[in-house]
C-alpha atoms as a PDB file:
ATOM      1  CA  MET A   1     149.401  69.146  40.017  1.00  0.00           C
ATOM      2  CA  THR A   2     149.432  66.217  37.555  1.00  0.00           C
ATOM      3  CA  GLN A   3     149.084  68.586  34.598  1.00  0.00           C
ATOM      4  CA  THR A   4     152.029  70.589  35.916  1.00  0.00           C
ATOM      5  CA  LEU A   5     154.130  67.445  36.218  1.00  0.00           C
ATOM      6  CA  ILE A   6     153.260  66.387  32.676  1.00  0.00           C
ATOM      7  CA  ALA A   7     154.246  69.840  31.448  1.00  0.00           C
ATOM      8  CA  VAL A   8     157.477  69.592  33.414  1.00  0.00           C
ATOM      9  CA  PHE A   9     158.359  66.258  31.861  1.00  0.00           C
ATOM     10  CA  ALA A  10     157.556  67.478  28.358  1.00  0.00           C
ATOM     11  CA  SER A  11     159.688  70.529  28.981  1.00  0.00           C
ATOM     12  CA  LEU A  12     162.507  68.350  30.304  1.00  0.00           C
ATOM     13  CA  ALA A  13     162.548  66.470  27.026  1.00  0.00           C
ATOM     14  CA  LEU A  14     163.001  69.756  25.230  1.00  0.00           C
ATOM     15  CA  LEU A  15     165.648  70.943  27.660  1.00  0.00           C
ATOM     16  CA  ALA A  16     167.631  67.742  27.175  1.00  0.00           C
ATOM     17  CA  ALA A  17     168.092  68.421  23.473  1.00  0.00           C
ATOM     18  CA  PRO A  18     171.231  70.456  22.735  1.00  0.00           C
ATOM     19  CA  ALA A  19     169.334  72.657  20.293  1.00  0.00           C
ATOM     20  CA  TRP A  20     167.212  74.062  23.143  1.00  0.00           C
ATOM     21  CA  SER A  21     169.728  75.005  25.758  1.00  0.00           C
ATOM     22  CA  GLU A  22     167.919  77.969  27.349  1.00  0.00           C
ATOM     23  CA  GLU A  23     166.399  77.407  30.769  1.00  0.00           C
ATOM     24  CA  ASN A  24     162.659  77.555  31.129  1.00  0.00           C
ATOM     25  CA  PRO A  25     161.813  79.228  34.478  1.00  0.00           C
ATOM     26  CA  ALA A  26     158.532  77.291  34.804  1.00  0.00           C
ATOM     27  CA  VAL A  27     160.385  73.988  34.430  1.00  0.00           C
ATOM     28  CA  VAL A  28     163.042  75.049  36.934  1.00  0.00           C
ATOM     29  CA  ASP A  29     160.361  76.077  39.462  1.00  0.00           C
ATOM     30  CA  ALA A  30     158.431  72.832  39.028  1.00  0.00           C
ATOM     31  CA  LEU A  31     161.567  70.712  39.380  1.00  0.00           C
ATOM     32  CA  SER A  32     162.677  72.681  42.419  1.00  0.00           C
ATOM     33  CA  GLY A  33     159.273  72.166  43.990  1.00  0.00           C
ATOM     34  CA  TYR A  34     159.456  68.425  43.375  1.00  0.00           C
ATOM     35  CA  MET A  35     162.997  68.191  44.723  1.00  0.00           C
ATOM     36  CA  ASP A  36     162.020  70.113  47.871  1.00  0.00           C
ATOM     37  CA  PHE A  37     159.574  67.351  48.783  1.00  0.00           C
ATOM     38  CA  ALA A  38     161.468  64.286  47.548  1.00  0.00           C
ATOM     39  CA  GLU A  39     162.943  62.278  50.405  1.00  0.00           C
ATOM     40  CA  TYR A  40     166.324  60.671  49.904  1.00  0.00           C
ATOM     41  CA  GLY A  41     165.754  56.994  49.486  1.00  0.00           C
ATOM     42  CA  SER A  42     162.029  57.277  48.779  1.00  0.00           C
ATOM     43  CA  SER A  43     162.629  56.134  45.221  1.00  0.00           C
ATOM     44  CA  LEU A  44     165.427  53.668  46.035  1.00  0.00           C
ATOM     45  CA  ILE A  45     165.360  50.094  47.236  1.00  0.00           C
ATOM     46  CA  TRP A  46     168.286  47.793  47.914  1.00  0.00           C
ATOM     47  CA  PRO A  47     168.139  44.077  47.065  1.00  0.00           C
ATOM     48  CA  GLU A  48     168.604  43.135  50.709  1.00  0.00           C
ATOM     49  CA  GLN A  49     165.447  45.056  51.664  1.00  0.00           C
ATOM     50  CA  ILE A  50     163.217  42.554  49.870  1.00  0.00           C
ATOM     51  CA  PRO A  51     162.809  39.150  51.519  1.00  0.00           C
ATOM     52  CA  LYS A  52     162.785  36.235  49.077  1.00  0.00           C
ATOM     53  CA  GLU A  53     159.097  35.522  49.655  1.00  0.00           C
ATOM     54  CA  ASP A  54     158.182  39.162  48.886  1.00  0.00           C
ATOM     55  CA  TRP A  55     159.754  39.288  45.405  1.00  0.00           C
ATOM     56  CA  SER A  56     156.607  37.653  43.990  1.00  0.00           C
ATOM     57  CA  LYS A  57     154.543  40.583  45.327  1.00  0.00           C
ATOM     58  CA  VAL A  58     156.710  43.188  43.576  1.00  0.00           C
ATOM     59  CA  PHE A  59     156.052  44.280  39.994  1.00  0.00           C
ATOM     60  CA  ILE A  60     159.568  44.041  38.553  1.00  0.00           C
ATOM     61  CA  VAL A  61     160.599  45.949  35.429  1.00  0.00           C
ATOM     62  CA  ASP A  62     163.841  45.269  33.597  1.00  0.00           C
ATOM     63  CA  ALA A  63     164.578  48.621  31.948  1.00  0.00           C
ATOM     64  CA  ARG A  64     167.394  47.294  29.754  1.00  0.00           C
ATOM     65  CA  ASP A  65     167.058  46.518  26.059  1.00  0.00           C
ATOM     66  CA  ALA A  66     165.344  43.343  24.847  1.00  0.00           C
ATOM     67  CA  ALA A  67     168.616  41.545  24.061  1.00  0.00           C
ATOM     68  CA  GLN A  68     169.930  42.009  27.603  1.00  0.00           C
ATOM     69  CA  PHE A  69     166.576  40.963  29.030  1.00  0.00           C
ATOM     70  CA  ALA A  70     166.579  37.805  26.897  1.00  0.00           C
ATOM     71  CA  LYS A  71     170.084  36.935  28.090  1.00  0.00           C
ATOM     72  CA  GLU A  72     169.209  37.201  31.809  1.00  0.00           C
ATOM     73  CA  HIS A  73     166.723  38.930  34.070  1.00  0.00           C
ATOM     74  CA  ILE A  74     165.311  38.788  37.558  1.00  0.00           C
ATOM     75  CA  PRO A  75     162.632  36.073  37.733  1.00  0.00           C
ATOM     76  CA  GLY A  76     159.159  37.496  37.159  1.00  0.00           C
ATOM     77  CA  ALA A  77     160.411  40.710  35.522  1.00  0.00           C
ATOM     78  CA  ILE A  78     158.826  42.229  32.452  1.00  0.00           C
ATOM     79  CA  ASN A  79     160.862  44.187  29.932  1.00  0.00           C
ATOM     80  CA  ILE A  80     160.167  47.884  29.381  1.00  0.00           C
ATOM     81  CA  ASP A  81     163.175  49.704  27.929  1.00  0.00           C
ATOM     82  CA  TRP A  82     163.927  52.745  30.112  1.00  0.00           C
ATOM     83  CA  ARG A  83     163.271  55.055  27.142  1.00  0.00           C
ATOM     84  CA  GLN A  84     159.734  53.656  26.882  1.00  0.00           C
ATOM     85  CA  ALA A  85     158.810  53.898  30.569  1.00  0.00           C
ATOM     86  CA  VAL A  86     156.684  57.010  30.182  1.00  0.00           C
ATOM     87  CA  ALA A  87     154.976  55.839  26.997  1.00  0.00           C
ATOM     88  CA  ARG A  88     154.181  52.452  28.587  1.00  0.00           C
ATOM     89  CA  ARG A  89     153.291  53.733  32.064  1.00  0.00           C
ATOM     90  CA  ALA A  90     149.733  52.405  31.792  1.00  0.00           C
ATOM     91  CA  GLU A  91     151.226  48.902  32.112  1.00  0.00           C
ATOM     92  CA  LEU A  92     152.470  49.703  35.621  1.00  0.00           C
ATOM     93  CA  PRO A  93     150.212  49.005  38.582  1.00  0.00           C
ATOM     94  CA  LYS A  94     149.592  51.830  41.019  1.00  0.00           C
ATOM     95  CA  ASP A  95     148.460  49.552  43.853  1.00  0.00           C
ATOM     96  CA  ARG A  96     151.747  47.776  44.599  1.00  0.00           C
ATOM     97  CA  MET A  97     155.466  48.393  44.562  1.00  0.00           C
ATOM     98  CA  VAL A  98     157.123  48.642  41.158  1.00  0.00           C
ATOM     99  CA  VAL A  99     160.890  48.058  41.110  1.00  0.00           C
ATOM    100  CA  MET A 100     162.832  49.057  37.998  1.00  0.00           C
ATOM    101  CA  TYR A 101     166.390  48.037  37.289  1.00  0.00           C
ATOM    102  CA  CYS A 102     169.028  48.180  34.574  1.00  0.00           C
ATOM    103  CA  ASN A 103     172.649  47.032  34.765  1.00  0.00           C
ATOM    104  CA  SER A 104     173.821  49.514  37.398  1.00  0.00           C
ATOM    105  CA  GLY A 105     170.759  51.588  38.293  1.00  0.00           C
ATOM    106  CA  SER A 106     171.603  54.756  36.377  1.00  0.00           C
ATOM    107  CA  LEU A 107     169.275  54.397  33.369  1.00  0.00           C
ATOM    108  CA  SER A 108     166.421  52.954  35.382  1.00  0.00           C
ATOM    109  CA  ALA A 109     166.830  55.906  37.770  1.00  0.00           C
ATOM    110  CA  GLN A 110     166.065  58.281  34.899  1.00  0.00           C
ATOM    111  CA  ALA A 111     162.904  56.353  34.076  1.00  0.00           C
ATOM    112  CA  VAL A 112     161.859  56.271  37.733  1.00  0.00           C
ATOM    113  CA  PHE A 113     162.473  60.008  38.100  1.00  0.00           C
ATOM    114  CA  ALA A 114     160.211  60.706  35.112  1.00  0.00           C
ATOM    115  CA  LEU A 115     157.509  58.349  36.401  1.00  0.00           C
ATOM    116  CA  ARG A 116     157.634  59.867  39.870  1.00  0.00           C
ATOM    117  CA  LEU A 117     157.211  63.330  38.350  1.00  0.00           C
ATOM    118  CA  LEU A 118     154.075  61.924  36.721  1.00  0.00           C
ATOM    119  CA  GLY A 119     152.711  60.789  40.090  1.00  0.00           C
ATOM    120  CA  TYR A 120     153.902  57.172  40.268  1.00  0.00           C
ATOM    121  CA  ASP A 121     155.041  57.296  43.902  1.00  0.00           C
ATOM    122  CA  ASN A 122     155.140  53.490  44.115  1.00  0.00           C
ATOM    123  CA  VAL A 123     157.999  53.154  41.594  1.00  0.00           C
ATOM    124  CA  LYS A 124     161.512  52.536  42.933  1.00  0.00           C
ATOM    125  CA  VAL A 125     164.987  52.010  41.492  1.00  0.00           C
ATOM    126  CA  LEU A 126     166.792  48.807  42.414  1.00  0.00           C
ATOM    127  CA  GLN A 127     170.008  50.272  43.792  1.00  0.00           C
ATOM    128  CA  ASP A 128     173.054  49.028  41.840  1.00  0.00           C
ATOM    129  CA  GLY A 129     170.844  47.304  39.250  1.00  0.00           C
ATOM    130  CA  ILE A 130     170.985  43.659  38.307  1.00  0.00           C
ATOM    131  CA  GLU A 131     174.750  43.583  38.827  1.00  0.00           C
ATOM    132  CA  GLY A 132     174.374  44.654  42.461  1.00  0.00           C
ATOM    133  CA  TRP A 133     171.438  42.278  42.879  1.00  0.00           C
ATOM    134  CA  LYS A 134     173.561  39.358  41.674  1.00  0.00           C
ATOM    135  CA  ALA A 135     176.573  40.381  43.759  1.00  0.00           C
ATOM    136  CA  LYS A 136     174.435  40.537  46.911  1.00  0.00           C
ATOM    137  CA  GLY A 137     172.882  37.112  46.372  1.00  0.00           C
ATOM    138  CA  GLY A 138     169.911  37.740  44.079  1.00  0.00           C
ATOM    139  CA  LEU A 139     166.635  36.606  45.608  1.00  0.00           C
ATOM    140  CA  ASP A 140     168.574  35.596  48.728  1.00  0.00           C
ATOM    141  CA  ALA A 141     170.136  39.043  49.287  1.00  0.00           C
ATOM    142  CA  HIS A 142     167.885  39.745  52.281  1.00  0.00           C
ATOM    143  CA  ALA A 143     168.854  36.496  54.025  1.00  0.00           C
ATOM    144  CA  ARG A 144     172.550  37.033  53.256  1.00  0.00           C
ATOM    145  CA  ALA A 145     172.682  40.676  54.425  1.00  0.00           C
ATOM    146  CA  SER A 146     174.981  41.262  57.359  1.00  0.00           C
ATOM    147  CA  LYS A 147     173.730  44.801  58.025  1.00  0.00           C
ATOM    148  CA  PRO A 148     170.670  46.903  57.166  1.00  0.00           C
ATOM    149  CA  ALA A 149     170.444  48.206  53.617  1.00  0.00           C
ATOM    150  CA  GLY A 150     170.755  51.825  52.634  1.00  0.00           C
ATOM    151  CA  HIS A 151     172.779  54.725  53.883  1.00  0.00           C
END
């Protein structure tokens, strides 16, 4: 299964390039199979779902570029640009939750999707990114939440 997922990801990289616009049936089948078993929300986490005391237990990855990371980041985060997530996947623990974020969640979601295809089921996207995290109270988002997170 892991070999298939690696092949799928490699094929996705080729499919993303405009020069190779034809569909590859094996890639489509593998992606469809993954999507059939992916639960909505299984790769998402909202800031208010993490109590302040639990943030230190989470492996936090800022998927933005180094300049944005240097300007501000969630305390305890390391910086792995979203484009490097697959190449640097060995730096991610498999025995605890990994939360990736960018500004809004869209670029980190691409990195998380790729990592989940490679078998990293413990990797999640911080919904709404650092901007949503700040707007909801940062590390205090859980305490400030007036209703349960999610949809």
